[in-house]
Amino acid sequence: MRRYFAWALGAMALFSSCKMYDNLPEGDDKPALYLTKEMGKLTDLLTGNANGWRLVLLPGSYQYGGINIAFKFHKGGAVESYSEDLDEVIHSSYRIYNTAGIRLTFDTRNPALGRYAEPRNTLLQGLEGDFEFTFGDVSADQDTIQLIGAYSRNKMMLVRLKEDAESYINKVKDIRNAVYGKALATTTIGGQEVKMSVFGLIRQLQVKVGSAEPRLIPINFSPEGIEVIGADDLIDDSDASQGKVGQIGTEILRQIKVVKDGSTYHALSPSGQKIAIQSTDYDFTKSKVRAFFYEYWCGDAVRDVINRINGAKYQSGPNAGQDSIVGDILNDYYT
């Protein structure tokens, strides 16, 4: 009797095992084959647009705003990167592979991404950016591809370009240069008097509403102007004390258009009111300032001027005869 019982249990286990495998996908529906096909489709999609794709890179918790990068992907893993931060084109490589989802990785050094992602000195997480992304949804018209930063977990979008990648980035640079470090004339938004300044290096818009304390809003530049990073499909609008990101009075600020007017530029409020773009001056004779300049960020001209001034003797005052140091030149990782 025990022998029959053992055979019955063995037969039941074998039958259950066969049934389990019978229910698995077959042919092209097998997981490995399905993923391989999907990776092929994504590769074809990325390489199929000669103009390339644009991305607003969102490091960390948006403390550096959004950085415009345009990519031209090629068969075989080569990619050209155009960044608003850089004057040169970066030639590197990319790879699409599967690990906990289908991922896009830039697997050779790429300063357009690396300056925000690579560790340096005491910044073990770099500037909290990404060089690797998990693919999300592809739009029905295949013009947008959602990416999720492997490190930051921020949601970003690859958008199909309708013009050449380099031309697009140059238009972004024109807008950025027009408002970089500038103030906007006082205007009215949402029934409130508003003063705004553009912190171009960290891509933040300083907004002062009425008598309230100024606050910083993350932004990115576009060929149309200044874009507020705060759309519901990108980040969590969770600043309860200020309402939604970009909320001013009764209005939620999402864009400030910047328009070329002859050889100059002016901004437009959401209601279409013309806003002058103003330069600001700082009187260095009123207080002591110690500045740090990274060669990669400030450029050769600034570096040379600072190096010439440093060491010049004070002509009068309590420090007469001593060396002056107006700024320290530091070597950035990417110099």
Protein backbone atom coordinates (compact mmCIF):
# COMPACT_ATOMS: atom_id res chain seq x y z
CA MET A 1 0.00 0.00 0.00
CA ARG A 2 2.86 2.38 0.81
CA ARG A 3 4.42 1.71 -2.61
CA TYR A 4 1.18 2.64 -4.44
CA PHE A 5 0.89 5.81 -2.37
CA ALA A 6 4.47 6.82 -3.22
CA TRP A 7 3.83 6.23 -6.95
CA ALA A 8 0.65 8.29 -6.74
CA LEU A 9 2.47 11.20 -5.14
CA GLY A 10 5.23 11.01 -7.77
CA ALA A 11 2.72 10.95 -10.61
CA MET A 12 0.84 13.90 -9.14
CA ALA A 13 4.07 15.93 -8.83
CA LEU A 14 5.09 15.10 -12.39
CA PHE A 15 1.64 15.99 -13.73
CA SER A 16 1.61 19.30 -11.82
CA SER A 17 5.09 20.11 -13.08
CA CYS A 18 4.10 19.47 -16.71
CA LYS A 19 0.96 21.58 -16.35
CA MET A 20 3.01 24.42 -14.85
CA TYR A 21 5.37 24.53 -17.83
CA ASP A 22 2.49 24.10 -20.27
CA ASN A 23 1.14 27.47 -19.12
CA LEU A 24 4.36 29.38 -19.83
CA PRO A 25 4.51 31.66 -22.91
CA GLU A 26 5.80 30.02 -26.04
CA GLY A 27 7.51 31.20 -29.22
CA ASP A 28 7.94 34.97 -29.51
CA ASP A 29 6.06 35.45 -26.23
CA LYS A 30 8.85 33.88 -24.17
CA PRO A 31 10.18 36.56 -21.77
CA ALA A 32 13.73 36.50 -23.12
CA LEU A 33 12.61 36.72 -26.75
CA TYR A 34 10.03 39.39 -25.95
CA LEU A 35 12.62 41.58 -24.20
CA THR A 36 15.07 41.11 -27.05
CA LYS A 37 12.42 42.23 -29.54
CA GLU A 38 11.51 45.26 -27.41
CA MET A 39 15.16 46.28 -27.08
CA GLY A 40 15.46 46.04 -30.86
CA LYS A 41 12.39 48.23 -31.32
CA LEU A 42 13.79 50.87 -28.95
CA THR A 43 17.14 50.84 -30.75
CA ASP A 44 15.38 51.30 -34.09
CA LEU A 45 13.31 54.13 -32.62
CA LEU A 46 16.33 56.00 -31.24
CA THR A 47 18.47 55.55 -34.35
CA GLY A 48 15.61 56.15 -36.77
CA ASN A 49 15.48 59.94 -36.32
CA ALA A 50 18.38 61.68 -38.06
CA ASN A 51 17.71 64.93 -36.15
CA GLY A 52 18.11 63.19 -32.81
CA TRP A 53 16.34 63.40 -29.45
CA ARG A 54 16.31 66.04 -26.73
CA LEU A 55 16.36 65.49 -22.98
CA VAL A 56 16.08 67.79 -19.99
CA LEU A 57 18.36 66.11 -17.45
CA LEU A 58 17.05 66.47 -13.88
CA PRO A 59 19.73 65.74 -11.26
CA GLY A 60 18.97 65.13 -7.60
CA SER A 61 16.09 67.12 -6.12
CA TYR A 62 16.20 69.76 -8.90
CA GLN A 63 18.81 71.85 -7.07
CA TYR A 64 20.54 72.36 -10.44
CA GLY A 65 17.35 72.77 -12.44
CA GLY A 66 17.17 71.03 -15.79
CA ILE A 67 20.03 70.70 -18.28
CA ASN A 68 19.32 70.48 -22.01
CA ILE A 69 21.13 67.69 -23.84
CA ALA A 70 20.42 66.49 -27.38
CA PHE A 71 21.52 63.07 -28.64
CA LYS A 72 22.06 61.54 -32.05
CA PHE A 73 22.02 57.77 -31.69
CA HIS A 74 23.65 55.56 -34.33
CA LYS A 75 23.57 51.85 -35.09
CA GLY A 76 26.42 49.99 -33.46
CA GLY A 77 26.30 51.97 -30.20
CA ALA A 78 27.82 55.34 -31.16
CA VAL A 79 26.14 58.53 -29.90
CA GLU A 80 26.77 62.25 -30.32
CA SER A 81 25.81 64.49 -27.40
CA TYR A 82 25.15 68.24 -27.57
CA SER A 83 24.83 70.06 -24.24
CA GLU A 84 23.92 73.63 -23.35
CA ASP A 85 26.92 73.46 -20.97
CA LEU A 86 29.47 72.61 -23.63
CA ASP A 87 30.79 74.12 -26.84
CA GLU A 88 32.07 70.86 -28.29
CA VAL A 89 30.22 67.75 -29.46
CA ILE A 90 30.80 64.71 -27.25
CA HIS A 91 31.36 61.42 -29.06
CA SER A 92 30.77 58.40 -26.85
CA SER A 93 28.80 55.15 -26.79
CA TYR A 94 25.50 53.84 -25.47
CA ARG A 95 23.96 50.45 -24.84
CA ILE A 96 20.43 49.13 -24.35
CA TYR A 97 20.21 46.09 -22.11
CA ASN A 98 17.95 44.36 -19.61
CA THR A 99 18.41 44.43 -15.86
CA ALA A 100 15.29 44.94 -13.74
CA GLY A 101 13.74 46.53 -16.81
CA ILE A 102 15.11 47.70 -20.15
CA ARG A 103 17.83 50.29 -19.60
CA LEU A 104 19.68 52.89 -21.62
CA THR A 105 23.24 53.42 -20.41
CA PHE A 106 25.98 55.70 -21.67
CA ASP A 107 28.83 53.31 -21.00
CA THR A 108 31.86 55.39 -21.99
CA ARG A 109 32.85 58.76 -20.55
CA ASN A 110 30.43 61.47 -21.57
CA PRO A 111 31.01 64.89 -19.91
CA ALA A 112 27.53 66.10 -20.91
CA LEU A 113 26.14 63.60 -18.39
CA GLY A 114 29.25 62.84 -16.38
CA ARG A 115 29.72 66.32 -14.91
CA TYR A 116 26.47 65.71 -13.01
CA ALA A 117 26.81 61.96 -12.41
CA GLU A 118 30.46 61.15 -11.69
CA PRO A 119 31.81 61.22 -8.13
CA ARG A 120 34.47 63.82 -7.43
CA ASN A 121 36.45 64.88 -4.38
CA THR A 122 34.07 64.74 -1.40
CA LEU A 123 30.95 64.47 -3.57
CA LEU A 124 30.63 60.71 -3.63
CA GLN A 125 27.33 60.89 -5.51
CA GLY A 126 28.64 63.59 -7.84
CA LEU A 127 25.91 66.14 -8.45
CA GLU A 128 23.25 63.42 -8.11
CA GLY A 129 22.72 63.06 -11.84
CA ASP A 130 22.26 59.99 -14.03
CA PHE A 131 24.12 58.32 -16.88
CA GLU A 132 21.83 55.30 -16.86
CA PHE A 133 18.06 55.29 -17.32
CA THR A 134 15.18 52.80 -17.28
CA PHE A 135 12.79 53.02 -20.22
CA GLY A 136 9.17 53.86 -19.38
CA ASP A 137 6.21 54.42 -21.66
CA VAL A 138 6.50 55.32 -25.33
CA SER A 139 3.81 57.67 -26.64
CA ALA A 140 1.38 56.42 -29.27
CA ASP A 141 2.96 58.67 -31.91
CA GLN A 142 6.44 57.55 -30.78
CA ASP A 143 7.56 61.17 -30.34
CA THR A 144 8.24 60.90 -26.59
CA ILE A 145 9.92 58.20 -24.52
CA GLN A 146 9.78 58.27 -20.75
CA LEU A 147 13.08 57.70 -18.93
CA ILE A 148 13.57 57.13 -15.20
CA GLY A 149 16.97 57.96 -13.75
CA ALA A 150 18.60 54.83 -12.34
CA TYR A 151 20.12 56.83 -9.47
CA SER A 152 17.88 59.89 -9.04
CA ARG A 153 14.61 58.06 -9.84
CA ASN A 154 13.48 61.28 -11.51
CA LYS A 155 11.13 61.00 -14.46
CA MET A 156 12.40 62.59 -17.67
CA MET A 157 11.40 62.63 -21.32
CA LEU A 158 13.28 61.94 -24.52
CA VAL A 159 11.51 64.02 -27.17
CA ARG A 160 11.91 63.54 -30.91
CA LEU A 161 13.57 66.58 -32.51
CA LYS A 162 12.05 68.19 -35.58
CA GLU A 163 15.26 70.09 -36.29
CA ASP A 164 18.94 69.23 -36.09
CA ALA A 165 20.22 68.56 -32.56
CA GLU A 166 23.01 71.14 -32.75
CA SER A 167 20.64 73.82 -34.07
CA TYR A 168 18.21 73.11 -31.21
CA ILE A 169 20.89 73.38 -28.52
CA ASN A 170 22.22 76.62 -30.04
CA LYS A 171 18.74 78.15 -29.73
CA VAL A 172 18.63 77.10 -26.07
CA LYS A 173 22.04 78.71 -25.52
CA ASP A 174 20.82 81.98 -27.07
CA ILE A 175 17.94 82.17 -24.59
CA ARG A 176 20.14 81.16 -21.67
CA ASN A 177 22.73 83.82 -22.53
CA ALA A 178 20.00 86.46 -22.84
CA VAL A 179 18.77 85.96 -19.26
CA TYR A 180 21.79 84.43 -17.52
CA GLY A 181 22.39 86.27 -14.24
CA LYS A 182 19.78 88.89 -15.14
CA ALA A 183 16.80 90.34 -13.29
CA LEU A 184 13.34 90.80 -14.76
CA ALA A 185 11.54 94.09 -14.26
CA THR A 186 8.79 94.03 -11.63
CA THR A 187 5.58 92.62 -13.05
CA THR A 188 2.18 91.33 -11.92
CA ILE A 189 1.34 87.61 -11.91
CA GLY A 190 -1.76 86.11 -10.38
CA GLY A 191 -2.76 89.47 -8.93
CA GLN A 192 0.55 89.78 -7.06
CA GLU A 193 3.54 92.09 -7.57
CA VAL A 194 6.47 89.88 -8.49
CA LYS A 195 10.21 90.42 -8.77
CA MET A 196 12.28 87.70 -10.47
CA SER A 197 15.96 87.01 -11.00
CA VAL A 198 17.56 84.23 -13.06
CA PHE A 199 20.34 82.22 -11.42
CA GLY A 200 21.66 80.73 -14.65
CA LEU A 201 24.44 78.48 -13.37
CA ILE A 202 22.16 76.47 -11.09
CA ARG A 203 19.07 77.13 -13.24
CA GLN A 204 16.86 78.55 -10.52
CA LEU A 205 14.37 81.38 -10.76
CA GLN A 206 14.35 83.55 -7.65
CA VAL A 207 10.81 84.78 -7.12
CA LYS A 208 9.81 87.44 -4.58
CA VAL A 209 6.06 87.90 -4.26
CA GLY A 210 5.05 91.10 -2.50
CA SER A 211 6.68 91.33 0.94
CA ALA A 212 7.22 87.58 1.23
CA GLU A 213 10.69 86.05 1.44
CA PRO A 214 12.26 85.20 -1.93
CA ARG A 215 12.10 81.56 -2.96
CA LEU A 216 13.85 79.53 -5.63
CA ILE A 217 11.99 77.65 -8.33
CA PRO A 218 13.83 75.11 -10.54
CA ILE A 219 13.84 75.95 -14.24
CA ASN A 220 15.27 74.89 -17.56
CA PHE A 221 15.81 76.95 -20.67
CA SER A 222 14.16 76.27 -24.02
CA PRO A 223 14.09 77.98 -27.43
CA GLU A 224 10.86 79.65 -26.23
CA GLY A 225 12.12 80.97 -22.91
CA ILE A 226 12.23 79.91 -19.26
CA GLU A 227 10.34 76.74 -18.31
CA VAL A 228 9.36 76.06 -14.69
CA ILE A 229 10.03 72.46 -13.68
CA GLY A 230 6.92 71.44 -11.86
CA ALA A 231 4.51 69.74 -14.22
CA ASP A 232 2.60 66.93 -12.54
CA ASP A 233 4.02 64.33 -14.92
CA LEU A 234 7.59 65.19 -13.96
CA ILE A 235 7.78 65.93 -10.25
CA ASP A 236 5.62 65.81 -7.17
CA ASP A 237 4.11 69.23 -6.46
CA SER A 238 4.40 68.92 -2.70
CA ASP A 239 5.35 72.36 -1.35
CA ALA A 240 2.23 72.78 0.76
CA SER A 241 3.33 76.14 2.15
CA GLN A 242 3.54 77.69 -1.31
CA GLY A 243 0.86 75.65 -3.07
CA LYS A 244 1.98 73.97 -6.25
CA VAL A 245 5.47 74.56 -7.64
CA GLY A 246 5.41 77.92 -9.38
CA GLN A 247 2.14 79.04 -7.77
CA ILE A 248 1.93 82.83 -7.51
CA GLY A 249 -1.32 84.21 -6.21
CA THR A 250 -4.10 82.74 -8.31
CA GLU A 251 -1.82 81.57 -11.09
CA ILE A 252 0.62 78.69 -11.52
CA LEU A 253 3.69 79.89 -13.38
CA ARG A 254 4.86 77.38 -15.96
CA GLN A 255 6.67 79.50 -18.56
CA ILE A 256 8.16 82.93 -19.14
CA LYS A 257 8.55 83.55 -22.83
CA VAL A 258 11.73 85.29 -23.98
CA VAL A 259 11.46 87.11 -27.30
CA LYS A 260 14.19 88.59 -29.47
CA ASP A 261 13.56 92.24 -30.29
CA GLY A 262 16.15 93.40 -32.82
CA SER A 263 19.52 92.83 -31.17
CA THR A 264 18.08 92.55 -27.65
CA TYR A 265 15.60 90.37 -25.81
CA HIS A 266 12.61 90.95 -23.57
CA ALA A 267 10.43 88.61 -21.53
CA LEU A 268 6.67 88.17 -21.54
CA SER A 269 4.56 87.46 -18.47
CA PRO A 270 1.89 84.71 -18.69
CA SER A 271 -0.65 87.46 -19.47
CA GLY A 272 1.52 88.77 -22.31
CA GLN A 273 2.87 91.82 -20.48
CA LYS A 274 6.29 92.90 -21.75
CA ILE A 275 9.02 92.58 -19.10
CA ALA A 276 12.41 94.23 -19.48
CA ILE A 277 15.49 92.10 -18.88
CA GLN A 278 17.82 94.04 -16.61
CA SER A 279 21.52 93.66 -15.85
CA THR A 280 22.66 94.02 -12.27
CA ASP A 281 25.86 95.47 -10.83
CA TYR A 282 27.65 94.71 -7.57
CA ASP A 283 29.85 97.31 -5.91
CA PHE A 284 32.95 95.41 -4.81
CA THR A 285 34.24 98.42 -2.85
CA LYS A 286 31.50 98.17 -0.23
CA SER A 287 32.37 94.78 1.26
CA LYS A 288 34.87 91.96 1.14
CA VAL A 289 34.22 89.22 -1.40
CA ARG A 290 36.15 85.99 -1.84
CA ALA A 291 35.26 84.20 -5.04
CA PHE A 292 36.05 80.71 -6.25
CA PHE A 293 36.24 80.06 -9.97
CA TYR A 294 36.26 76.64 -11.55
CA GLU A 295 38.29 76.73 -14.74
CA TYR A 296 35.85 74.53 -16.64
CA TRP A 297 32.90 76.74 -15.75
CA CYS A 298 34.43 80.21 -15.98
CA GLY A 299 36.55 79.81 -19.13
CA ASP A 300 40.09 80.75 -20.05
CA ALA A 301 39.49 84.52 -20.23
CA VAL A 302 38.19 84.81 -16.65
CA ARG A 303 40.93 82.51 -15.36
CA ASP A 304 43.64 84.61 -16.99
CA VAL A 305 42.25 87.90 -15.63
CA ILE A 306 41.97 86.54 -12.08
CA ASN A 307 45.48 85.10 -12.21
CA ARG A 308 46.85 88.48 -13.36
CA ILE A 309 45.05 90.38 -10.58
CA ASN A 310 45.89 87.92 -7.80
CA GLY A 311 49.08 89.01 -6.09
CA ALA A 312 48.83 92.69 -6.99
CA LYS A 313 49.87 94.80 -4.00
CA TYR A 314 47.32 96.82 -2.05
CA GLN A 315 48.18 100.50 -2.65
CA SER A 316 46.60 101.92 0.49
CA GLY A 317 44.53 101.10 3.54
CA PRO A 318 45.22 98.64 6.36
CA ASN A 319 46.49 96.01 3.90
CA ALA A 320 48.89 98.32 2.03
CA GLY A 321 51.80 96.38 0.60
CA GLN A 322 50.14 93.00 1.00
CA ASP A 323 49.18 90.70 -1.85
CA SER A 324 45.57 90.88 -2.94
CA ILE A 325 43.60 87.74 -3.74
CA VAL A 326 40.28 88.43 -5.41
CA GLY A 327 39.56 84.89 -6.47
CA ASP A 328 40.84 81.33 -6.27
CA ILE A 329 41.10 79.34 -9.48
CA LEU A 330 40.29 75.69 -8.86
CA ASN A 331 40.74 72.82 -11.28
CA ASP A 332 37.41 71.28 -12.13
CA TYR A 333 37.40 67.53 -12.79
CA TYR A 334 36.66 68.02 -16.45
CA THR A 335 39.34 70.62 -17.28
